Every structure is written in C-alpha cells, then in structure tokens.
C-alpha cells in the first residue's frame, strides 16, 4: 500500500510540474491558447512535449512580434487579437524551440537560430490538415530571409 502511495505521489508531481501556466487576461485569450495547445498535442506530440518541457508560462505583450522572456513565451497582443488558432499554435511551436536552444546554451548565430525555428514551425504546420496557406508561405519566406542574412 505504501508503494502505491509513493507511485501516485510521483505521478501527480510529474504531471503538475509539466503544466504550463497560461495567463488569463480576459477576452477569451486563455481559451485560444488552450485550443492552440490542443492542436499541437493532437497533431505533433513530440513538439508538444518539447514545448511543455521548456516553457513555464505563456503571457502576452504589446510588441510587434512574439518572443521569449526567461522561460516564458510572450505572444504579441496583435496576434492574439487576430485570433487565428493555427497561427497561435505555430507561434508556440516556434518560440518553444528558442526556449530549447536557450536551455541548452546553444551557440547558433541569431540568423541561424531564427531560420531553424521557422523550419521547425514549417514542419509543424505541414502536419495540420487544411492549415491556412499564408502560414506556410510566411514560414517559407522567413526561412529564405534568415538564410540570406
């Protein structure tokens, strides 16, 4: 009986530590992020696991682009207002790879890191059925841009 208690305690603590805190600022933004997380989990479990392992919190900021701060993903309010769930999922996948590089003290050049994150995002987008073509084209354009620089 004691063994079962220890196992259950371990499983509960592992599950709780794997949770990402999603800020709830109203306007249905938390629900959109939760939907995006579900899409990632449904269509690409490996990318979902990388996200959960490297991101502690998902927040929002007034910048023109999404980014990371510490081990949080900061989604731009512009992207949240647009409300495209597949785009939010792509942002989370993209930024999670930046967090992975940060945790691993990866020493890529900024352009190589950005190109890698867009390639990672593009591969994810190719797993989503009926994904918006503009999302795929945007990722391809960004890969070309960062590979030239």
C-alpha atoms as a PDB file:
ATOM      1  CA  UNK A   1       0.000   0.000   0.000  1.00  0.00           C
ATOM      2  CA  UNK A   2       2.812   2.405   0.878  1.00  0.00           C
ATOM      3  CA  UNK A   3       4.429   1.696  -2.525  1.00  0.00           C
ATOM      4  CA  UNK A   4       1.193   2.650  -4.328  1.00  0.00           C
ATOM      5  CA  UNK A   5       1.055   5.929  -2.400  1.00  0.00           C
ATOM      6  CA  UNK A   6       4.658   6.752  -3.387  1.00  0.00           C
ATOM      7  CA  UNK A   7       3.996   5.951  -7.064  1.00  0.00           C
ATOM      8  CA  UNK A   8       0.817   8.041  -7.147  1.00  0.00           C
ATOM      9  CA  UNK A   9       2.573  10.947  -5.439  1.00  0.00           C
ATOM     10  CA  UNK A  10       5.364  10.817  -8.014  1.00  0.00           C
ATOM     11  CA  UNK A  11       2.941  10.692 -10.914  1.00  0.00           C
ATOM     12  CA  UNK A  12       0.935  13.611  -9.574  1.00  0.00           C
ATOM     13  CA  UNK A  13       4.044  15.732  -9.040  1.00  0.00           C
ATOM     14  CA  UNK A  14       5.352  14.942 -12.553  1.00  0.00           C
ATOM     15  CA  UNK A  15       2.022  15.895 -14.080  1.00  0.00           C
ATOM     16  CA  UNK A  16       1.796  19.125 -12.115  1.00  0.00           C
ATOM     17  CA  UNK A  17       5.321  20.170 -12.996  1.00  0.00           C
ATOM     18  CA  UNK A  18       4.564  19.619 -16.688  1.00  0.00           C
ATOM     19  CA  UNK A  19       1.757  22.175 -16.675  1.00  0.00           C
ATOM     20  CA  UNK A  20       2.271  25.470 -18.464  1.00  0.00           C
ATOM     21  CA  UNK A  21       0.667  28.459 -16.766  1.00  0.00           C
ATOM     22  CA  UNK A  22      -1.387  30.406 -19.303  1.00  0.00           C
ATOM     23  CA  UNK A  23      -2.209  33.960 -18.277  1.00  0.00           C
ATOM     24  CA  UNK A  24      -5.926  34.744 -18.287  1.00  0.00           C
ATOM     25  CA  UNK A  25      -6.435  38.385 -19.196  1.00  0.00           C
ATOM     26  CA  UNK A  26      -9.993  38.055 -20.445  1.00  0.00           C
ATOM     27  CA  UNK A  27     -11.348  38.381 -23.995  1.00  0.00           C
ATOM     28  CA  UNK A  28     -11.118  34.600 -24.403  1.00  0.00           C
ATOM     29  CA  UNK A  29      -7.347  34.681 -24.885  1.00  0.00           C
ATOM     30  CA  UNK A  30      -6.653  31.801 -22.481  1.00  0.00           C
ATOM     31  CA  UNK A  31      -9.208  29.662 -24.335  1.00  0.00           C
ATOM     32  CA  UNK A  32      -7.486  30.461 -27.658  1.00  0.00           C
ATOM     33  CA  UNK A  33      -4.096  29.471 -26.259  1.00  0.00           C
ATOM     34  CA  UNK A  34      -5.597  26.300 -24.775  1.00  0.00           C
ATOM     35  CA  UNK A  35      -7.073  25.480 -28.214  1.00  0.00           C
ATOM     36  CA  UNK A  36      -3.667  26.074 -29.816  1.00  0.00           C
ATOM     37  CA  UNK A  37      -2.023  23.794 -27.248  1.00  0.00           C
ATOM     38  CA  UNK A  38      -4.609  21.109 -28.069  1.00  0.00           C
ATOM     39  CA  UNK A  39      -3.796  21.383 -31.778  1.00  0.00           C
ATOM     40  CA  UNK A  40      -0.094  20.948 -31.066  1.00  0.00           C
ATOM     41  CA  UNK A  41      -0.767  17.957 -28.824  1.00  0.00           C
ATOM     42  CA  UNK A  42      -3.151  16.390 -31.347  1.00  0.00           C
ATOM     43  CA  UNK A  43      -1.013  16.769 -34.470  1.00  0.00           C
ATOM     44  CA  UNK A  44       2.561  16.671 -33.162  1.00  0.00           C
ATOM     45  CA  UNK A  45       3.148  15.102 -29.751  1.00  0.00           C
ATOM     46  CA  UNK A  46       6.938  15.500 -29.988  1.00  0.00           C
ATOM     47  CA  UNK A  47       6.663  19.262 -30.451  1.00  0.00           C
ATOM     48  CA  UNK A  48       4.066  19.411 -27.685  1.00  0.00           C
ATOM     49  CA  UNK A  49       6.448  17.583 -25.326  1.00  0.00           C
ATOM     50  CA  UNK A  50       9.312  19.943 -26.206  1.00  0.00           C
ATOM     51  CA  UNK A  51       7.016  22.899 -25.501  1.00  0.00           C
ATOM     52  CA  UNK A  52       5.905  21.524 -22.130  1.00  0.00           C
ATOM     53  CA  UNK A  53       9.480  20.684 -21.128  1.00  0.00           C
ATOM     54  CA  UNK A  54      10.850  24.150 -21.919  1.00  0.00           C
ATOM     55  CA  UNK A  55       8.063  26.652 -21.298  1.00  0.00           C
ATOM     56  CA  UNK A  56       6.862  27.633 -17.823  1.00  0.00           C
ATOM     57  CA  UNK A  57       4.328  30.289 -18.747  1.00  0.00           C
ATOM     58  CA  UNK A  58       2.521  31.856 -21.690  1.00  0.00           C
ATOM     59  CA  UNK A  59       1.988  35.599 -21.442  1.00  0.00           C
ATOM     60  CA  UNK A  60       1.083  38.491 -23.734  1.00  0.00           C
ATOM     61  CA  UNK A  61       2.879  41.717 -24.581  1.00  0.00           C
ATOM     62  CA  UNK A  62       2.359  44.814 -26.715  1.00  0.00           C
ATOM     63  CA  UNK A  63       5.327  44.211 -29.015  1.00  0.00           C
ATOM     64  CA  UNK A  64       5.024  43.771 -32.769  1.00  0.00           C
ATOM     65  CA  UNK A  65       6.160  40.137 -32.665  1.00  0.00           C
ATOM     66  CA  UNK A  66       6.073  37.192 -30.293  1.00  0.00           C
ATOM     67  CA  UNK A  67       9.195  36.359 -28.304  1.00  0.00           C
ATOM     68  CA  UNK A  68      10.502  34.715 -25.168  1.00  0.00           C
ATOM     69  CA  UNK A  69      11.453  36.142 -21.799  1.00  0.00           C
ATOM     70  CA  UNK A  70      13.148  33.888 -19.306  1.00  0.00           C
ATOM     71  CA  UNK A  71      11.351  30.592 -19.867  1.00  0.00           C
ATOM     72  CA  UNK A  72       8.045  32.196 -20.828  1.00  0.00           C
ATOM     73  CA  UNK A  73       6.558  32.674 -24.271  1.00  0.00           C
ATOM     74  CA  UNK A  74       5.290  36.201 -24.874  1.00  0.00           C
ATOM     75  CA  UNK A  75       2.600  36.286 -27.596  1.00  0.00           C
ATOM     76  CA  UNK A  76       2.056  39.672 -29.183  1.00  0.00           C
ATOM     77  CA  UNK A  77      -1.331  41.224 -28.481  1.00  0.00           C
ATOM     78  CA  UNK A  78      -1.646  41.869 -32.242  1.00  0.00           C
ATOM     79  CA  UNK A  79      -1.534  38.108 -32.895  1.00  0.00           C
ATOM     80  CA  UNK A  80      -3.961  37.405 -30.055  1.00  0.00           C
ATOM     81  CA  UNK A  81      -6.439  39.981 -31.361  1.00  0.00           C
ATOM     82  CA  UNK A  82      -6.254  38.373 -34.817  1.00  0.00           C
ATOM     83  CA  UNK A  83      -7.377  35.182 -33.074  1.00  0.00           C
ATOM     84  CA  UNK A  84      -6.097  32.629 -35.601  1.00  0.00           C
ATOM     85  CA  UNK A  85      -5.669  29.431 -33.550  1.00  0.00           C
ATOM     86  CA  UNK A  86      -3.294  27.766 -36.027  1.00  0.00           C
ATOM     87  CA  UNK A  87      -1.112  30.878 -36.006  1.00  0.00           C
ATOM     88  CA  UNK A  88      -1.040  30.863 -32.204  1.00  0.00           C
ATOM     89  CA  UNK A  89      -0.055  27.185 -32.303  1.00  0.00           C
ATOM     90  CA  UNK A  90       2.721  27.992 -34.803  1.00  0.00           C
ATOM     91  CA  UNK A  91       3.967  30.791 -32.536  1.00  0.00           C
ATOM     92  CA  UNK A  92       4.088  28.436 -29.549  1.00  0.00           C
ATOM     93  CA  UNK A  93       5.988  25.799 -31.525  1.00  0.00           C
ATOM     94  CA  UNK A  94       8.417  28.386 -32.923  1.00  0.00           C
ATOM     95  CA  UNK A  95       9.113  30.075 -29.592  1.00  0.00           C
ATOM     96  CA  UNK A  96       9.434  26.744 -27.770  1.00  0.00           C
ATOM     97  CA  UNK A  97      12.439  25.891 -29.940  1.00  0.00           C
ATOM     98  CA  UNK A  98      14.034  29.225 -28.946  1.00  0.00           C
ATOM     99  CA  UNK A  99      13.497  28.181 -25.311  1.00  0.00           C
ATOM    100  CA  UNK A 100      15.043  24.786 -26.013  1.00  0.00           C
ATOM    101  CA  UNK A 101      18.117  26.466 -27.508  1.00  0.00           C
ATOM    102  CA  UNK A 102      18.277  28.828 -24.528  1.00  0.00           C
ATOM    103  CA  UNK A 103      18.145  25.977 -22.001  1.00  0.00           C
ATOM    104  CA  UNK A 104      20.803  24.044 -23.882  1.00  0.00           C
ATOM    105  CA  UNK A 105      23.086  27.084 -24.163  1.00  0.00           C
ATOM    106  CA  UNK A 106      23.063  26.623 -27.921  1.00  0.00           C
ATOM    107  CA  UNK A 107      25.523  28.849 -29.732  1.00  0.00           C
ATOM    108  CA  UNK A 108      23.883  29.353 -33.116  1.00  0.00           C
ATOM    109  CA  UNK A 109      24.108  32.764 -34.733  1.00  0.00           C
ATOM    110  CA  UNK A 110      20.873  34.742 -34.317  1.00  0.00           C
ATOM    111  CA  UNK A 111      20.024  34.279 -38.016  1.00  0.00           C
ATOM    112  CA  UNK A 112      20.726  30.539 -37.946  1.00  0.00           C
ATOM    113  CA  UNK A 113      18.616  30.153 -34.813  1.00  0.00           C
ATOM    114  CA  UNK A 114      15.728  32.081 -36.349  1.00  0.00           C
ATOM    115  CA  UNK A 115      15.912  30.080 -39.600  1.00  0.00           C
ATOM    116  CA  UNK A 116      15.941  26.850 -37.557  1.00  0.00           C
ATOM    117  CA  UNK A 117      12.875  27.948 -35.578  1.00  0.00           C
ATOM    118  CA  UNK A 118      10.976  28.812 -38.765  1.00  0.00           C
ATOM    119  CA  UNK A 119      11.928  25.455 -40.327  1.00  0.00           C
ATOM    120  CA  UNK A 120      10.696  23.725 -37.163  1.00  0.00           C
ATOM    121  CA  UNK A 121       7.473  25.762 -37.349  1.00  0.00           C
ATOM    122  CA  UNK A 122       7.027  24.955 -41.051  1.00  0.00           C
ATOM    123  CA  UNK A 123       7.384  21.233 -40.418  1.00  0.00           C
ATOM    124  CA  UNK A 124       4.736  21.510 -37.689  1.00  0.00           C
ATOM    125  CA  UNK A 125       2.375  23.441 -39.979  1.00  0.00           C
ATOM    126  CA  UNK A 126       2.691  20.700 -42.584  1.00  0.00           C
ATOM    127  CA  UNK A 127       1.174  18.278 -40.048  1.00  0.00           C
ATOM    128  CA  UNK A 128      -2.038  20.312 -39.596  1.00  0.00           C
ATOM    129  CA  UNK A 129      -4.836  19.355 -42.016  1.00  0.00           C
ATOM    130  CA  UNK A 130      -6.244  22.277 -44.029  1.00  0.00           C
ATOM    131  CA  UNK A 131      -3.821  24.759 -42.481  1.00  0.00           C
ATOM    132  CA  UNK A 132      -4.024  28.277 -43.860  1.00  0.00           C
ATOM    133  CA  UNK A 133      -1.675  28.633 -46.870  1.00  0.00           C
ATOM    134  CA  UNK A 134      -0.485  32.062 -45.711  1.00  0.00           C
ATOM    135  CA  UNK A 135       1.009  30.482 -42.561  1.00  0.00           C
ATOM    136  CA  UNK A 136       3.073  28.077 -44.660  1.00  0.00           C
ATOM    137  CA  UNK A 137       4.137  30.859 -47.025  1.00  0.00           C
ATOM    138  CA  UNK A 138       5.117  33.130 -44.136  1.00  0.00           C
ATOM    139  CA  UNK A 139       7.362  30.444 -42.625  1.00  0.00           C
ATOM    140  CA  UNK A 140       8.978  29.769 -46.023  1.00  0.00           C
ATOM    141  CA  UNK A 141       9.574  33.491 -46.584  1.00  0.00           C
ATOM    142  CA  UNK A 142      11.167  33.865 -43.164  1.00  0.00           C
ATOM    143  CA  UNK A 143      13.448  30.866 -43.734  1.00  0.00           C
ATOM    144  CA  UNK A 144      14.648  32.422 -47.004  1.00  0.00           C
ATOM    145  CA  UNK A 145      15.134  35.800 -45.327  1.00  0.00           C
ATOM    146  CA  UNK A 146      17.188  34.458 -42.417  1.00  0.00           C
ATOM    147  CA  UNK A 147      19.238  32.125 -44.626  1.00  0.00           C
ATOM    148  CA  UNK A 148      20.276  35.066 -46.840  1.00  0.00           C
ATOM    149  CA  UNK A 149      21.289  37.312 -43.948  1.00  0.00           C
END
